[in-house]
Amino acid sequence: MTDTTGTAAGKIVVGVDGSEPSVRALRWAVRQAGMTGDSLEAVIAWEYPAVGWASMVAAIPAEFDPQALAAEVLDDILEQTLGAEAAASVERIVMIGSAAQALMDRSAGASLVVVGDRGYSGFKATLLGSVGLHLSQHAPCPVVVVRGGPQE
C-alpha cells in the first residue's frame, strides 16, 4: 500500500487495555492512520498474577481462559469506539506478557507506536504511565503518548 506521497505505508501499533486513556490513544491512532495510509494494529497484553498475589485469592477456575477474555475485551473496545465496520479493518493482537514488552515486540518495523498517558495502574497522579515511559525510552520507532483533556 502507498500513501498520497507515493511512499510505502507502514503500520501503526496502538496499545489498548480498556482504560479511557487507551481509548483516546486508539482514536488518535485511527485518525493518524487515516492521514498516512498506514494499517492499524491494536495490541492488548495479559499476564498471570504474581505468585504471591495469586496465593491470596481463591483458585482460578479451570475454564478461565485469559487469552479469550483479553480478545473479547479488545473486540468490544474496538467495536464500541470505532463501530463494527471500522473495527473490522483493525488487526487485533493478543499477547501474553507485560504490555510494555508486547508493544516493544510489535513495534519493530512499525511507523509509530501509540499509547495513552496511563492505563490501569492506579497511580492517577503520575504524569506518564510506566508503559509510555518504557516505550519512549526504548521503542524501535517513534512513540506518541496521548494525554488526557484538561478536565483530568
Protein backbone atom coordinates (compact mmCIF):
# COMPACT_ATOMS: atom_id res chain seq x y z
CA MET A 1 0.00 0.00 0.00
CA THR A 2 1.26 3.53 -0.73
CA ASP A 3 0.18 6.80 0.80
CA THR A 4 -0.64 10.01 -1.08
CA THR A 5 3.06 10.91 -1.38
CA GLY A 6 3.86 7.65 -3.16
CA THR A 7 5.87 6.14 -0.31
CA ALA A 8 5.09 2.73 1.11
CA ALA A 9 2.66 2.83 4.02
CA GLY A 10 3.57 1.05 7.22
CA LYS A 11 1.69 0.16 10.35
CA ILE A 12 0.73 1.99 13.48
CA VAL A 13 0.67 -0.07 16.66
CA VAL A 14 -1.67 1.08 19.42
CA GLY A 15 -1.84 -0.29 22.96
CA VAL A 16 -5.39 -0.91 24.18
CA ASP A 17 -6.22 -2.06 27.72
CA GLY A 18 -9.77 -0.76 28.12
CA SER A 19 -8.83 2.33 30.11
CA GLU A 20 -10.08 5.72 28.94
CA PRO A 21 -6.51 6.85 28.09
CA SER A 22 -6.09 3.79 25.84
CA VAL A 23 -9.40 4.56 24.11
CA ARG A 24 -8.14 8.12 23.44
CA ALA A 25 -4.92 6.61 22.05
CA LEU A 26 -6.97 4.32 19.79
CA ARG A 27 -8.98 7.27 18.43
CA TRP A 28 -5.78 9.24 17.83
CA ALA A 29 -4.14 6.29 16.06
CA VAL A 30 -7.19 5.80 13.81
CA ARG A 31 -7.06 9.45 12.73
CA GLN A 32 -3.31 9.24 12.10
CA ALA A 33 -3.67 6.03 10.08
CA GLY A 34 -6.35 7.75 8.01
CA MET A 35 -3.94 10.58 7.18
CA THR A 36 -0.90 8.41 6.45
CA GLY A 37 -2.47 5.32 4.89
CA ASP A 38 -0.77 3.11 7.48
CA SER A 39 -2.54 -0.03 8.65
CA LEU A 40 -3.59 -0.16 12.28
CA GLU A 41 -2.74 -2.88 14.76
CA ALA A 42 -4.41 -2.88 18.20
CA VAL A 43 -2.49 -4.76 20.88
CA ILE A 44 -3.70 -6.00 24.25
CA ALA A 45 -1.46 -7.92 26.63
CA TRP A 46 -2.28 -10.01 29.67
CA GLU A 47 -0.28 -11.70 32.41
CA TYR A 48 -0.97 -14.29 35.06
CA PRO A 49 -0.97 -12.70 38.51
CA ALA A 50 2.24 -12.78 40.51
CA VAL A 51 2.58 -15.91 42.65
CA GLY A 52 2.40 -14.03 45.95
CA TRP A 53 -0.78 -12.22 44.95
CA ALA A 54 -2.37 -15.33 43.46
CA SER A 55 -1.98 -17.22 46.75
CA MET A 56 -4.29 -14.69 48.42
CA VAL A 57 -7.23 -15.34 46.11
CA ALA A 58 -9.42 -18.35 45.53
CA ALA A 59 -8.28 -20.90 42.96
CA ILE A 60 -8.72 -19.89 39.34
CA PRO A 61 -11.46 -21.97 37.69
CA ALA A 62 -10.22 -24.49 35.12
CA GLU A 63 -12.45 -22.99 32.41
CA PHE A 64 -10.95 -19.50 32.88
CA ASP A 65 -9.24 -18.51 29.62
CA PRO A 66 -7.40 -15.17 29.98
CA GLN A 67 -6.37 -15.19 26.30
CA ALA A 68 -10.01 -15.43 25.19
CA LEU A 69 -11.07 -12.83 27.76
CA ALA A 70 -8.42 -10.38 26.55
CA ALA A 71 -9.50 -10.95 22.93
CA GLU A 72 -13.11 -10.29 23.90
CA VAL A 73 -12.15 -7.08 25.72
CA LEU A 74 -10.19 -5.89 22.68
CA ASP A 75 -13.04 -6.73 20.28
CA ASP A 76 -15.57 -4.91 22.48
CA ILE A 77 -13.42 -1.79 22.82
CA LEU A 78 -12.76 -1.61 19.08
CA GLU A 79 -16.42 -2.01 18.17
CA GLN A 80 -17.68 0.41 20.84
CA THR A 81 -15.09 3.03 19.93
CA LEU A 82 -14.97 2.71 16.15
CA GLY A 83 -18.16 0.94 15.14
CA ALA A 84 -18.30 -2.54 13.62
CA GLU A 85 -17.30 -1.55 10.08
CA ALA A 86 -14.23 0.49 11.02
CA ALA A 87 -13.22 -2.03 13.71
CA ALA A 88 -13.16 -4.78 11.08
CA SER A 89 -10.18 -3.13 9.37
CA VAL A 90 -8.04 -3.14 12.53
CA GLU A 91 -5.70 -6.06 13.07
CA ARG A 92 -6.09 -7.46 16.59
CA ILE A 93 -3.12 -8.85 18.51
CA VAL A 94 -3.49 -10.55 21.90
CA MET A 95 -0.20 -11.33 23.66
CA ILE A 96 0.81 -12.89 26.95
CA GLY A 97 3.32 -10.81 28.89
CA SER A 98 3.78 -7.27 30.03
CA ALA A 99 2.16 -4.52 28.00
CA ALA A 100 5.49 -2.73 27.58
CA GLN A 101 7.23 -5.80 26.17
CA ALA A 102 4.30 -6.74 23.94
CA LEU A 103 4.26 -3.26 22.42
CA MET A 104 8.05 -3.26 22.05
CA ASP A 105 7.87 -6.57 20.18
CA ARG A 106 5.02 -5.47 17.90
CA SER A 107 6.54 -2.03 17.19
CA ALA A 108 9.63 -3.49 15.47
CA GLY A 109 9.32 -2.23 11.91
CA ALA A 110 6.29 -0.04 12.71
CA SER A 111 5.92 3.57 11.64
CA LEU A 112 4.66 4.56 15.06
CA VAL A 113 3.54 3.16 18.41
CA VAL A 114 0.73 4.94 20.27
CA VAL A 115 -0.30 4.61 23.92
CA GLY A 116 -2.38 6.52 26.43
CA ASP A 117 -0.65 8.51 29.15
CA ARG A 118 -1.58 5.88 31.73
CA GLY A 119 -3.51 2.64 31.90
CA TYR A 120 -4.95 0.59 34.71
CA SER A 121 -2.11 1.11 37.18
CA GLY A 122 -3.99 3.04 39.85
CA PHE A 123 -1.37 5.82 40.12
CA LYS A 124 -3.53 8.71 38.92
CA ALA A 125 -1.02 11.37 39.94
CA THR A 126 1.70 10.22 37.58
CA LEU A 127 2.37 12.32 34.50
CA LEU A 128 3.33 9.34 32.35
CA GLY A 129 2.48 5.69 32.88
CA SER A 130 5.16 3.03 33.10
CA VAL A 131 4.36 1.60 29.65
CA GLY A 132 4.57 5.00 27.97
CA LEU A 133 7.77 5.79 29.82
CA HIS A 134 9.37 2.47 28.85
CA LEU A 135 8.37 2.85 25.20
CA SER A 136 9.54 6.45 25.00
CA GLN A 137 12.97 5.30 26.16
CA HIS A 138 13.33 2.01 24.29
CA ALA A 139 10.93 1.63 21.34
CA PRO A 140 12.48 0.96 17.93
CA CYS A 141 10.17 3.53 16.28
CA PRO A 142 8.64 6.91 17.13
CA VAL A 143 6.26 6.93 20.11
CA VAL A 144 3.15 9.04 20.68
CA VAL A 145 1.76 9.27 24.20
CA VAL A 146 -1.78 10.64 24.04
CA ARG A 147 -2.56 12.83 27.04
CA GLY A 148 -5.98 13.39 28.58
CA GLY A 149 -8.04 16.51 28.32
CA PRO A 150 -7.93 19.49 30.69
CA GLN A 151 -10.70 18.02 32.88
CA GLU A 152 -8.46 15.17 34.07
